[in-house]
Amino acid sequence: FLLHFSDAVQRAEAEKAISLLDSSRNLVPVSLKWLSDASLEIVPAGRLMSSAWFVFRIGMRNVMNLDGRRGRDSLRVFRFQTVDEESFSSIEGSVTDMSVTDAKGEVFLTARSVSRKEPKEYTVRIPQPGSFVLGDILEGKYVVRAYRDRTGNRIYDPGLVFPFQPSERFVAYPDTMKVRARWPLEGVVLKLH
């Protein structure tokens, strides 16, 4: 979960104000990672139960900005239900690199849904060409592509015309893949040229 405050807050006080509860009102352990003085990433310590209800609470009275002013609302509550694990599947296969001279960098693989409503994107990083698994993918149609991150910046580099610099090598699977729930799609082969 990403939590963004409208102002920088006192971290220790904000951490005490945050809780995640399961449907039986048991506290779910989380780890907190501050991205800035106003942004926080909250990660459950373990995988959340499938098809279960949870409550995320923030006691705004305990949250203070850097000047010591407290939040106005007493309690913010967000209820949500996790997705049923039975609705997930995976895409499995391998990536081979045909180049001898430009064979360096991690490989990033992405499956992007072709849905016009809410496109979803799943990415996996492998240290070198070989086997991959894009897991926990929702049912739907996907296009799959991969690139070799020669620059190490974790984003695709299209290169430059002047001064000339070649793009990072990439490949797109030639067809749309239909992923069905509980039916892993196996044997996908991608070749970087």
N, C-alpha and C. Protein backbone atom coordinates (compact mmCIF):
# COMPACT_ATOMS: atom_id res chain seq x y z
N PHE A 1 0.85 -1.17 0.00
CA PHE A 1 0.00 0.00 0.00
C PHE A 1 0.89 1.22 0.00
N LEU A 2 0.49 2.26 -0.75
CA LEU A 2 1.19 3.53 -0.72
C LEU A 2 0.30 4.55 -0.02
N LEU A 3 0.87 5.25 0.92
CA LEU A 3 0.13 6.24 1.69
C LEU A 3 0.85 7.57 1.51
N HIS A 4 0.12 8.57 1.03
CA HIS A 4 0.69 9.90 0.81
C HIS A 4 -0.05 10.90 1.68
N PHE A 5 0.69 11.59 2.55
CA PHE A 5 0.13 12.67 3.35
C PHE A 5 0.27 13.97 2.56
N SER A 6 -0.57 14.95 2.86
CA SER A 6 -0.51 16.22 2.14
C SER A 6 0.62 17.11 2.64
N ASP A 7 1.25 16.71 3.76
CA ASP A 7 2.33 17.50 4.34
C ASP A 7 3.33 16.53 4.97
N ALA A 8 4.54 16.97 5.16
CA ALA A 8 5.54 16.13 5.84
C ALA A 8 5.06 15.87 7.27
N VAL A 9 5.26 14.63 7.75
CA VAL A 9 4.77 14.25 9.08
C VAL A 9 5.92 13.71 9.92
N GLN A 10 5.69 13.68 11.23
CA GLN A 10 6.65 13.07 12.14
C GLN A 10 6.51 11.56 12.01
N ARG A 11 7.57 10.93 11.58
CA ARG A 11 7.52 9.52 11.21
C ARG A 11 7.12 8.60 12.36
N ALA A 12 7.72 8.76 13.51
CA ALA A 12 7.45 7.86 14.63
C ALA A 12 5.98 7.91 15.03
N GLU A 13 5.40 9.10 15.07
CA GLU A 13 3.98 9.24 15.44
C GLU A 13 3.08 8.63 14.38
N ALA A 14 3.40 8.84 13.11
CA ALA A 14 2.59 8.30 12.02
C ALA A 14 2.62 6.77 12.03
N GLU A 15 3.78 6.19 12.31
CA GLU A 15 3.90 4.73 12.34
C GLU A 15 3.01 4.11 13.40
N LYS A 16 2.86 4.79 14.54
CA LYS A 16 1.99 4.29 15.61
C LYS A 16 0.52 4.36 15.23
N ALA A 17 0.18 5.25 14.31
CA ALA A 17 -1.22 5.49 13.95
C ALA A 17 -1.75 4.52 12.89
N ILE A 18 -0.88 3.73 12.28
CA ILE A 18 -1.26 2.87 11.16
C ILE A 18 -1.44 1.43 11.62
N SER A 19 -2.55 0.81 11.18
CA SER A 19 -2.77 -0.60 11.50
C SER A 19 -3.54 -1.28 10.37
N LEU A 20 -3.27 -2.57 10.22
CA LEU A 20 -3.98 -3.42 9.26
C LEU A 20 -4.57 -4.57 10.05
N LEU A 21 -5.89 -4.79 9.91
CA LEU A 21 -6.59 -5.82 10.67
C LEU A 21 -7.27 -6.79 9.72
N ASP A 22 -7.32 -8.08 10.11
CA ASP A 22 -8.07 -9.06 9.31
C ASP A 22 -9.53 -9.04 9.74
N SER A 23 -10.36 -9.91 9.17
CA SER A 23 -11.80 -9.91 9.45
C SER A 23 -12.14 -10.28 10.90
N SER A 24 -11.20 -10.92 11.60
CA SER A 24 -11.40 -11.26 13.02
C SER A 24 -10.83 -10.18 13.93
N ARG A 25 -10.47 -9.04 13.36
CA ARG A 25 -9.88 -7.90 14.08
C ARG A 25 -8.51 -8.21 14.67
N ASN A 26 -7.81 -9.21 14.10
CA ASN A 26 -6.43 -9.49 14.51
C ASN A 26 -5.49 -8.58 13.74
N LEU A 27 -4.48 -8.10 14.42
CA LEU A 27 -3.50 -7.22 13.80
C LEU A 27 -2.65 -8.01 12.81
N VAL A 28 -2.51 -7.50 11.59
CA VAL A 28 -1.68 -8.13 10.56
C VAL A 28 -0.33 -7.42 10.59
N PRO A 29 0.78 -8.15 10.79
CA PRO A 29 2.10 -7.50 10.83
C PRO A 29 2.45 -6.88 9.47
N VAL A 30 2.99 -5.66 9.52
CA VAL A 30 3.40 -4.96 8.31
C VAL A 30 4.79 -4.37 8.51
N SER A 31 5.48 -4.13 7.41
CA SER A 31 6.73 -3.38 7.47
C SER A 31 6.49 -2.04 6.79
N LEU A 32 7.12 -1.01 7.30
CA LEU A 32 6.92 0.34 6.80
C LEU A 32 8.22 0.86 6.20
N LYS A 33 8.11 1.44 5.02
CA LYS A 33 9.28 2.02 4.35
C LYS A 33 8.93 3.43 3.92
N TRP A 34 9.65 4.39 4.46
CA TRP A 34 9.40 5.79 4.13
C TRP A 34 10.05 6.11 2.79
N LEU A 35 9.24 6.66 1.87
CA LEU A 35 9.75 7.08 0.57
C LEU A 35 10.15 8.55 0.61
N SER A 36 9.49 9.30 1.48
CA SER A 36 9.81 10.71 1.75
C SER A 36 9.18 11.03 3.10
N ASP A 37 9.26 12.28 3.53
CA ASP A 37 8.64 12.66 4.81
C ASP A 37 7.12 12.71 4.72
N ALA A 38 6.57 12.57 3.50
CA ALA A 38 5.12 12.60 3.34
C ALA A 38 4.57 11.35 2.65
N SER A 39 5.44 10.40 2.29
CA SER A 39 5.00 9.19 1.58
C SER A 39 5.56 7.95 2.24
N LEU A 40 4.71 6.95 2.33
CA LEU A 40 5.04 5.74 3.07
C LEU A 40 4.55 4.52 2.32
N GLU A 41 5.38 3.48 2.25
CA GLU A 41 4.98 2.21 1.66
C GLU A 41 4.74 1.23 2.80
N ILE A 42 3.57 0.57 2.76
CA ILE A 42 3.18 -0.37 3.81
C ILE A 42 3.06 -1.75 3.17
N VAL A 43 3.88 -2.70 3.64
CA VAL A 43 3.91 -4.04 3.05
C VAL A 43 3.57 -5.07 4.12
N PRO A 44 2.52 -5.88 3.89
CA PRO A 44 2.21 -6.95 4.85
C PRO A 44 3.40 -7.90 4.97
N ALA A 45 3.67 -8.40 6.18
CA ALA A 45 4.80 -9.28 6.42
C ALA A 45 4.67 -10.60 5.67
N GLY A 46 3.46 -11.07 5.46
CA GLY A 46 3.21 -12.30 4.72
C GLY A 46 2.14 -12.07 3.67
N ARG A 47 1.86 -13.10 2.92
CA ARG A 47 0.82 -13.02 1.89
C ARG A 47 -0.55 -12.95 2.56
N LEU A 48 -1.39 -12.02 2.11
CA LEU A 48 -2.73 -11.89 2.68
C LEU A 48 -3.61 -13.03 2.19
N MET A 49 -4.51 -13.47 3.04
CA MET A 49 -5.40 -14.59 2.73
C MET A 49 -6.28 -14.24 1.52
N SER A 50 -6.52 -15.23 0.70
CA SER A 50 -7.33 -15.08 -0.51
C SER A 50 -8.80 -14.88 -0.16
N SER A 51 -9.48 -14.02 -0.91
CA SER A 51 -10.92 -13.74 -0.75
C SER A 51 -11.30 -13.38 0.68
N ALA A 52 -10.48 -12.61 1.34
CA ALA A 52 -10.74 -12.23 2.73
C ALA A 52 -10.88 -10.71 2.84
N TRP A 53 -11.60 -10.29 3.85
CA TRP A 53 -11.79 -8.86 4.11
C TRP A 53 -10.75 -8.36 5.10
N PHE A 54 -10.29 -7.13 4.87
CA PHE A 54 -9.31 -6.49 5.73
C PHE A 54 -9.71 -5.04 5.96
N VAL A 55 -9.18 -4.49 7.05
CA VAL A 55 -9.42 -3.09 7.38
C VAL A 55 -8.07 -2.41 7.59
N PHE A 56 -7.89 -1.31 6.88
CA PHE A 56 -6.69 -0.50 7.02
C PHE A 56 -7.10 0.77 7.74
N ARG A 57 -6.46 1.06 8.90
CA ARG A 57 -6.85 2.21 9.71
C ARG A 57 -5.68 3.16 9.92
N ILE A 58 -6.03 4.45 9.94
CA ILE A 58 -5.04 5.49 10.25
C ILE A 58 -5.68 6.41 11.28
N GLY A 59 -5.10 6.42 12.47
CA GLY A 59 -5.58 7.31 13.53
C GLY A 59 -5.03 8.70 13.30
N MET A 60 -5.78 9.53 12.57
CA MET A 60 -5.29 10.85 12.15
C MET A 60 -5.01 11.79 13.33
N ARG A 61 -5.64 11.58 14.45
CA ARG A 61 -5.35 12.40 15.64
C ARG A 61 -3.92 12.19 16.12
N ASN A 62 -3.33 11.03 15.81
CA ASN A 62 -1.96 10.74 16.24
C ASN A 62 -0.92 11.16 15.22
N VAL A 63 -1.35 11.57 14.03
CA VAL A 63 -0.42 12.00 12.99
C VAL A 63 -0.18 13.49 13.13
N MET A 64 1.11 13.86 13.23
CA MET A 64 1.46 15.26 13.38
C MET A 64 2.40 15.69 12.26
N ASN A 65 2.21 16.93 11.80
CA ASN A 65 3.17 17.45 10.83
C ASN A 65 4.43 17.88 11.57
N LEU A 66 5.39 18.41 10.86
CA LEU A 66 6.67 18.75 11.49
C LEU A 66 6.57 19.92 12.47
N ASP A 67 5.48 20.71 12.36
CA ASP A 67 5.25 21.81 13.30
C ASP A 67 4.51 21.35 14.55
N GLY A 68 4.11 20.09 14.61
CA GLY A 68 3.41 19.56 15.78
C GLY A 68 1.90 19.64 15.70
N ARG A 69 1.34 20.09 14.57
CA ARG A 69 -0.11 20.14 14.43
C ARG A 69 -0.64 18.76 14.08
N ARG A 70 -1.73 18.36 14.75
CA ARG A 70 -2.34 17.05 14.55
C ARG A 70 -3.37 17.09 13.43
N GLY A 71 -3.68 15.89 12.91
CA GLY A 71 -4.70 15.77 11.88
C GLY A 71 -6.08 16.07 12.42
N ARG A 72 -7.01 16.46 11.55
CA ARG A 72 -8.36 16.83 11.99
C ARG A 72 -9.24 15.62 12.24
N ASP A 73 -9.27 14.70 11.31
CA ASP A 73 -10.14 13.53 11.46
C ASP A 73 -9.61 12.62 12.55
N SER A 74 -10.52 11.98 13.26
CA SER A 74 -10.05 11.11 14.35
C SER A 74 -9.59 9.76 13.83
N LEU A 75 -10.28 9.19 12.83
CA LEU A 75 -9.91 7.86 12.34
C LEU A 75 -10.32 7.72 10.88
N ARG A 76 -9.38 7.34 10.02
CA ARG A 76 -9.69 7.03 8.61
C ARG A 76 -9.68 5.51 8.48
N VAL A 77 -10.74 4.96 7.90
CA VAL A 77 -10.89 3.51 7.78
C VAL A 77 -11.13 3.16 6.31
N PHE A 78 -10.34 2.18 5.82
CA PHE A 78 -10.49 1.69 4.45
C PHE A 78 -10.69 0.18 4.51
N ARG A 79 -11.82 -0.28 4.00
CA ARG A 79 -12.10 -1.72 3.97
C ARG A 79 -11.87 -2.23 2.56
N PHE A 80 -11.29 -3.43 2.44
CA PHE A 80 -11.06 -4.01 1.12
C PHE A 80 -11.08 -5.53 1.22
N GLN A 81 -11.31 -6.14 0.08
CA GLN A 81 -11.30 -7.60 -0.01
C GLN A 81 -10.21 -8.01 -1.00
N THR A 82 -9.46 -9.02 -0.63
CA THR A 82 -8.42 -9.52 -1.52
C THR A 82 -9.03 -10.36 -2.63
N VAL A 83 -8.30 -10.48 -3.72
CA VAL A 83 -8.75 -11.24 -4.89
C VAL A 83 -8.65 -12.73 -4.58
N ASP A 84 -9.55 -13.48 -5.15
CA ASP A 84 -9.53 -14.94 -5.01
C ASP A 84 -8.34 -15.50 -5.78
N GLU A 85 -7.49 -16.27 -5.11
CA GLU A 85 -6.30 -16.85 -5.75
C GLU A 85 -6.65 -17.75 -6.93
N GLU A 86 -7.87 -18.29 -6.93
CA GLU A 86 -8.30 -19.16 -8.02
C GLU A 86 -8.45 -18.40 -9.34
N SER A 87 -8.47 -17.08 -9.29
CA SER A 87 -8.62 -16.30 -10.53
C SER A 87 -7.28 -15.95 -11.17
N PHE A 88 -6.16 -16.43 -10.57
CA PHE A 88 -4.83 -16.15 -11.10
C PHE A 88 -4.29 -17.29 -11.96
N SER A 89 -3.30 -16.95 -12.76
CA SER A 89 -2.58 -17.93 -13.54
C SER A 89 -1.15 -17.43 -13.71
N SER A 90 -0.42 -18.00 -14.69
CA SER A 90 0.96 -17.58 -14.92
C SER A 90 1.36 -17.79 -16.37
N ILE A 91 2.42 -17.11 -16.76
CA ILE A 91 3.05 -17.31 -18.06
C ILE A 91 4.48 -17.75 -17.78
N GLU A 92 4.87 -18.90 -18.34
CA GLU A 92 6.19 -19.46 -18.09
C GLU A 92 6.88 -19.75 -19.40
N GLY A 93 8.19 -19.61 -19.41
CA GLY A 93 8.95 -19.89 -20.63
C GLY A 93 10.41 -19.57 -20.44
N SER A 94 11.05 -19.19 -21.56
CA SER A 94 12.48 -18.90 -21.51
C SER A 94 12.83 -17.78 -22.48
N VAL A 95 13.93 -17.11 -22.15
CA VAL A 95 14.48 -16.06 -23.00
C VAL A 95 15.87 -16.50 -23.40
N THR A 96 16.17 -16.40 -24.70
CA THR A 96 17.52 -16.70 -25.18
C THR A 96 18.09 -15.44 -25.82
N ASP A 97 19.39 -15.27 -25.71
CA ASP A 97 20.06 -14.12 -26.28
C ASP A 97 20.94 -14.59 -27.41
N MET A 98 20.66 -14.13 -28.62
CA MET A 98 21.39 -14.57 -29.81
C MET A 98 22.65 -13.75 -30.07
N SER A 99 22.86 -12.67 -29.33
CA SER A 99 24.02 -11.81 -29.56
C SER A 99 25.24 -12.31 -28.80
N VAL A 100 26.39 -12.13 -29.42
CA VAL A 100 27.65 -12.47 -28.76
C VAL A 100 28.33 -11.20 -28.27
N THR A 101 28.17 -10.10 -29.01
CA THR A 101 28.87 -8.87 -28.68
C THR A 101 28.13 -7.97 -27.70
N ASP A 102 26.81 -8.07 -27.64
CA ASP A 102 26.02 -7.17 -26.80
C ASP A 102 25.19 -7.96 -25.79
N ALA A 103 25.81 -8.90 -25.12
CA ALA A 103 25.09 -9.79 -24.21
C ALA A 103 25.39 -9.44 -22.76
N LYS A 104 24.90 -8.27 -22.33
CA LYS A 104 25.08 -7.93 -20.92
C LYS A 104 23.84 -7.23 -20.39
N GLY A 105 23.65 -7.33 -19.11
CA GLY A 105 22.51 -6.71 -18.45
C GLY A 105 21.42 -7.70 -18.10
N GLU A 106 20.59 -7.29 -17.15
CA GLU A 106 19.45 -8.11 -16.74
C GLU A 106 18.39 -8.10 -17.85
N VAL A 107 17.48 -9.07 -17.78
CA VAL A 107 16.38 -9.15 -18.73
C VAL A 107 15.10 -8.79 -17.99
N PHE A 108 14.34 -7.85 -18.56
CA PHE A 108 13.05 -7.45 -18.00
C PHE A 108 11.95 -7.95 -18.93
N LEU A 109 11.01 -8.71 -18.38
CA LEU A 109 9.88 -9.23 -19.15
C LEU A 109 8.61 -8.60 -18.62
N THR A 110 7.73 -8.22 -19.55
CA THR A 110 6.48 -7.58 -19.17
C THR A 110 5.33 -8.20 -19.93
N ALA A 111 4.25 -8.50 -19.20
CA ALA A 111 2.99 -8.92 -19.81
C ALA A 111 2.00 -7.79 -19.55
N ARG A 112 1.45 -7.23 -20.63
CA ARG A 112 0.50 -6.12 -20.50
C ARG A 112 -0.83 -6.55 -21.09
N SER A 113 -1.89 -6.36 -20.31
CA SER A 113 -3.22 -6.75 -20.79
C SER A 113 -3.65 -5.82 -21.92
N VAL A 114 -4.46 -6.34 -22.81
CA VAL A 114 -4.95 -5.55 -23.93
C VAL A 114 -6.33 -4.97 -23.65
N SER A 115 -6.78 -5.10 -22.41
CA SER A 115 -8.06 -4.55 -22.00
C SER A 115 -8.03 -3.03 -22.11
N ARG A 116 -9.10 -2.46 -22.65
CA ARG A 116 -9.15 -1.00 -22.80
C ARG A 116 -9.61 -0.32 -21.52
N LYS A 117 -10.34 -1.05 -20.68
CA LYS A 117 -10.85 -0.45 -19.44
C LYS A 117 -9.73 -0.17 -18.46
N GLU A 118 -9.13 -1.23 -17.95
CA GLU A 118 -8.08 -1.10 -16.95
C GLU A 118 -6.90 -1.98 -17.34
N PRO A 119 -6.00 -1.48 -18.19
CA PRO A 119 -4.86 -2.33 -18.56
C PRO A 119 -3.99 -2.63 -17.34
N LYS A 120 -3.59 -3.88 -17.23
CA LYS A 120 -2.73 -4.30 -16.12
C LYS A 120 -1.38 -4.71 -16.70
N GLU A 121 -0.35 -4.49 -15.91
CA GLU A 121 1.00 -4.83 -16.37
C GLU A 121 1.72 -5.59 -15.28
N TYR A 122 2.36 -6.69 -15.68
CA TYR A 122 3.12 -7.53 -14.76
C TYR A 122 4.54 -7.61 -15.30
N THR A 123 5.52 -7.39 -14.42
CA THR A 123 6.92 -7.39 -14.85
C THR A 123 7.72 -8.30 -13.94
N VAL A 124 8.67 -9.01 -14.55
CA VAL A 124 9.61 -9.82 -13.80
C VAL A 124 10.99 -9.54 -14.34
N ARG A 125 11.98 -9.59 -13.45
CA ARG A 125 13.37 -9.33 -13.82
C ARG A 125 14.17 -10.59 -13.57
N ILE A 126 14.94 -11.02 -14.58
CA ILE A 126 15.81 -12.17 -14.40
C ILE A 126 17.25 -11.71 -14.65
N PRO A 127 18.22 -12.24 -13.90
CA PRO A 127 19.59 -11.73 -13.98
C PRO A 127 20.26 -11.96 -15.34
N GLN A 128 19.83 -12.98 -16.06
CA GLN A 128 20.41 -13.27 -17.37
C GLN A 128 19.40 -14.10 -18.15
N PRO A 129 19.61 -14.27 -19.44
CA PRO A 129 18.66 -15.09 -20.21
C PRO A 129 18.51 -16.48 -19.60
N GLY A 130 17.31 -17.01 -19.70
CA GLY A 130 17.00 -18.31 -19.12
C GLY A 130 15.51 -18.41 -18.86
N SER A 131 15.15 -19.23 -17.90
CA SER A 131 13.74 -19.46 -17.57
C SER A 131 13.13 -18.27 -16.85
N PHE A 132 11.83 -18.07 -17.06
CA PHE A 132 11.11 -17.01 -16.35
C PHE A 132 9.71 -17.49 -16.00
N VAL A 133 9.14 -16.86 -14.99
CA VAL A 133 7.75 -17.08 -14.60
C VAL A 133 7.14 -15.72 -14.28
N LEU A 134 6.12 -15.37 -15.02
CA LEU A 134 5.31 -14.20 -14.70
C LEU A 134 4.11 -14.75 -13.94
N GLY A 135 4.11 -14.65 -12.62
CA GLY A 135 3.09 -15.27 -11.80
C GLY A 135 2.03 -14.32 -11.32
N ASP A 136 0.99 -14.90 -10.75
CA ASP A 136 -0.14 -14.15 -10.18
C ASP A 136 -0.74 -13.17 -11.18
N ILE A 137 -1.00 -13.67 -12.38
CA ILE A 137 -1.59 -12.86 -13.44
C ILE A 137 -3.10 -13.14 -13.49
N LEU A 138 -3.87 -12.07 -13.59
CA LEU A 138 -5.31 -12.22 -13.73
C LEU A 138 -5.66 -12.71 -15.13
N GLU A 139 -6.76 -13.42 -15.24
CA GLU A 139 -7.22 -13.95 -16.52
C GLU A 139 -7.42 -12.81 -17.52
N GLY A 140 -7.05 -13.08 -18.78
CA GLY A 140 -7.23 -12.08 -19.82
C GLY A 140 -6.28 -12.30 -20.99
N LYS A 141 -6.28 -11.34 -21.91
CA LYS A 141 -5.38 -11.39 -23.06
C LYS A 141 -4.21 -10.44 -22.82
N TYR A 142 -3.00 -10.92 -23.17
CA TYR A 142 -1.78 -10.17 -22.89
C TYR A 142 -0.84 -10.14 -24.09
N VAL A 143 -0.07 -9.06 -24.16
CA VAL A 143 1.07 -9.01 -25.06
C VAL A 143 2.31 -9.09 -24.17
N VAL A 144 3.30 -9.85 -24.62
CA VAL A 144 4.50 -10.07 -23.81
C VAL A 144 5.71 -9.54 -24.57
N ARG A 145 6.56 -8.82 -23.86
CA ARG A 145 7.78 -8.28 -24.46
C ARG A 145 8.91 -8.37 -23.44
N ALA A 146 10.13 -8.30 -23.95
CA ALA A 146 11.31 -8.36 -23.08
C ALA A 146 12.38 -7.45 -23.65
N TYR A 147 13.25 -6.95 -22.77
CA TYR A 147 14.42 -6.20 -23.22
C TYR A 147 15.59 -6.51 -22.31
N ARG A 148 16.79 -6.34 -22.85
CA ARG A 148 18.03 -6.55 -22.10
C ARG A 148 18.51 -5.20 -21.63
N ASP A 149 18.60 -4.99 -20.32
CA ASP A 149 18.93 -3.70 -19.73
C ASP A 149 20.44 -3.48 -19.70
N ARG A 150 21.00 -3.15 -20.85
CA ARG A 150 22.44 -2.95 -20.98
C ARG A 150 22.95 -1.80 -20.11
N THR A 151 22.15 -0.73 -19.97
CA THR A 151 22.58 0.45 -19.21
C THR A 151 22.40 0.28 -17.70
N GLY A 152 21.59 -0.70 -17.28
CA GLY A 152 21.39 -0.95 -15.85
C GLY A 152 20.49 0.05 -15.16
N ASN A 153 19.73 0.85 -15.91
CA ASN A 153 18.86 1.85 -15.28
C ASN A 153 17.42 1.39 -15.08
N ARG A 154 17.12 0.14 -15.44
CA ARG A 154 15.82 -0.50 -15.23
C ARG A 154 14.68 0.09 -16.05
N ILE A 155 15.02 0.84 -17.09
CA ILE A 155 14.02 1.30 -18.05
C ILE A 155 14.56 1.07 -19.45
N TYR A 156 13.65 0.85 -20.40
CA TYR A 156 14.07 0.59 -21.78
C TYR A 156 14.68 1.85 -22.38
N ASP A 157 15.85 1.72 -23.01
CA ASP A 157 16.56 2.84 -23.63
C ASP A 157 16.47 2.70 -25.14
N PRO A 158 15.75 3.61 -25.82
CA PRO A 158 15.57 3.50 -27.26
C PRO A 158 16.78 3.92 -28.09
N GLY A 159 17.84 4.41 -27.44
CA GLY A 159 19.03 4.83 -28.17
C GLY A 159 18.96 6.28 -28.61
N LEU A 160 20.01 6.72 -29.33
CA LEU A 160 20.09 8.11 -29.81
C LEU A 160 20.50 8.11 -31.27
N VAL A 161 20.00 9.12 -32.00
CA VAL A 161 20.40 9.28 -33.39
C VAL A 161 21.76 9.98 -33.44
N PHE A 162 21.92 11.05 -32.64
CA PHE A 162 23.19 11.77 -32.63
C PHE A 162 23.51 12.19 -31.21
N PRO A 163 24.64 11.91 -30.67
CA PRO A 163 25.59 10.96 -31.24
C PRO A 163 24.98 9.56 -31.22
N PHE A 164 25.29 8.79 -32.22
CA PHE A 164 24.64 7.49 -32.37
C PHE A 164 24.89 6.60 -31.16
N GLN A 165 23.80 6.03 -30.68
CA GLN A 165 23.87 5.03 -29.62
C GLN A 165 22.74 4.04 -29.90
N PRO A 166 23.05 2.76 -30.05
CA PRO A 166 21.99 1.79 -30.39
C PRO A 166 21.03 1.61 -29.21
N SER A 167 19.82 1.23 -29.57
CA SER A 167 18.82 0.96 -28.52
C SER A 167 19.18 -0.33 -27.80
N GLU A 168 18.59 -0.50 -26.62
CA GLU A 168 18.72 -1.79 -25.94
C GLU A 168 17.92 -2.80 -26.75
N ARG A 169 18.38 -4.02 -26.77
CA ARG A 169 17.72 -5.03 -27.58
C ARG A 169 16.43 -5.48 -26.91
N PHE A 170 15.40 -5.65 -27.72
CA PHE A 170 14.10 -6.05 -27.20
C PHE A 170 13.44 -7.04 -28.15
N VAL A 171 12.43 -7.71 -27.63
CA VAL A 171 11.65 -8.63 -28.44
C VAL A 171 10.22 -8.61 -27.92
N ALA A 172 9.28 -8.74 -28.85
CA ALA A 172 7.87 -8.85 -28.49
C ALA A 172 7.36 -10.18 -29.02
N TYR A 173 6.60 -10.89 -28.21
CA TYR A 173 6.03 -12.15 -28.66
C TYR A 173 5.08 -11.84 -29.82
N PRO A 174 5.12 -12.61 -30.90
CA PRO A 174 4.39 -12.25 -32.12
C PRO A 174 2.87 -12.34 -32.04
N ASP A 175 2.31 -12.88 -30.97
CA ASP A 175 0.86 -13.04 -30.90
C ASP A 175 0.37 -12.66 -29.51
N THR A 176 -0.91 -12.35 -29.41
CA THR A 176 -1.54 -12.09 -28.12
C THR A 176 -1.73 -13.42 -27.39
N MET A 177 -1.47 -13.42 -26.10
CA MET A 177 -1.60 -14.64 -25.31
C MET A 177 -2.89 -14.58 -24.49
N LYS A 178 -3.65 -15.67 -24.54
CA LYS A 178 -4.87 -15.75 -23.73
C LYS A 178 -4.54 -16.53 -22.47
N VAL A 179 -4.62 -15.86 -21.34
CA VAL A 179 -4.32 -16.47 -20.05
C VAL A 179 -5.64 -16.82 -19.37
N ARG A 180 -5.78 -18.08 -18.98
CA ARG A 180 -6.98 -18.54 -18.30
C ARG A 180 -6.66 -18.81 -16.83
N ALA A 181 -7.62 -18.53 -15.98
CA ALA A 181 -7.43 -18.77 -14.54
C ALA A 181 -7.12 -20.24 -14.30
N ARG A 182 -6.15 -20.49 -13.41
CA ARG A 182 -5.73 -21.82 -12.97
C ARG A 182 -5.12 -22.67 -14.09
N TRP A 183 -4.84 -22.11 -15.26
CA TRP A 183 -4.23 -22.84 -16.37
C TRP A 183 -2.94 -22.12 -16.77
N PRO A 184 -1.81 -22.50 -16.20
CA PRO A 184 -0.56 -21.83 -16.56
C PRO A 184 -0.26 -21.96 -18.05
N LEU A 185 0.18 -20.87 -18.64
CA LEU A 185 0.58 -20.85 -20.04
C LEU A 185 2.08 -21.13 -20.07
N GLU A 186 2.47 -22.27 -20.62
CA GLU A 186 3.88 -22.71 -20.57
C GLU A 186 4.48 -22.78 -21.96
N GLY A 187 5.82 -22.81 -22.00
CA GLY A 187 6.54 -23.01 -23.25
C GLY A 187 6.71 -21.76 -24.10
N VAL A 188 6.57 -20.59 -23.52
CA VAL A 188 6.75 -19.34 -24.27
C VAL A 188 8.25 -19.12 -24.48
N VAL A 189 8.65 -18.92 -25.73
CA VAL A 189 10.07 -18.71 -26.05
C VAL A 189 10.25 -17.34 -26.68
N LEU A 190 11.13 -16.54 -26.10
CA LEU A 190 11.47 -15.22 -26.61
C LEU A 190 12.95 -15.22 -26.97
N LYS A 191 13.29 -14.70 -28.17
CA LYS A 191 14.69 -14.66 -28.61
C LYS A 191 15.10 -13.22 -28.85
N LEU A 192 16.10 -12.78 -28.08
CA LEU A 192 16.67 -11.44 -28.28
C LEU A 192 17.69 -11.53 -29.41
N HIS A 193 17.52 -10.73 -30.47
CA HIS A 193 18.46 -10.72 -31.59
C HIS A 193 19.37 -9.52 -31.53
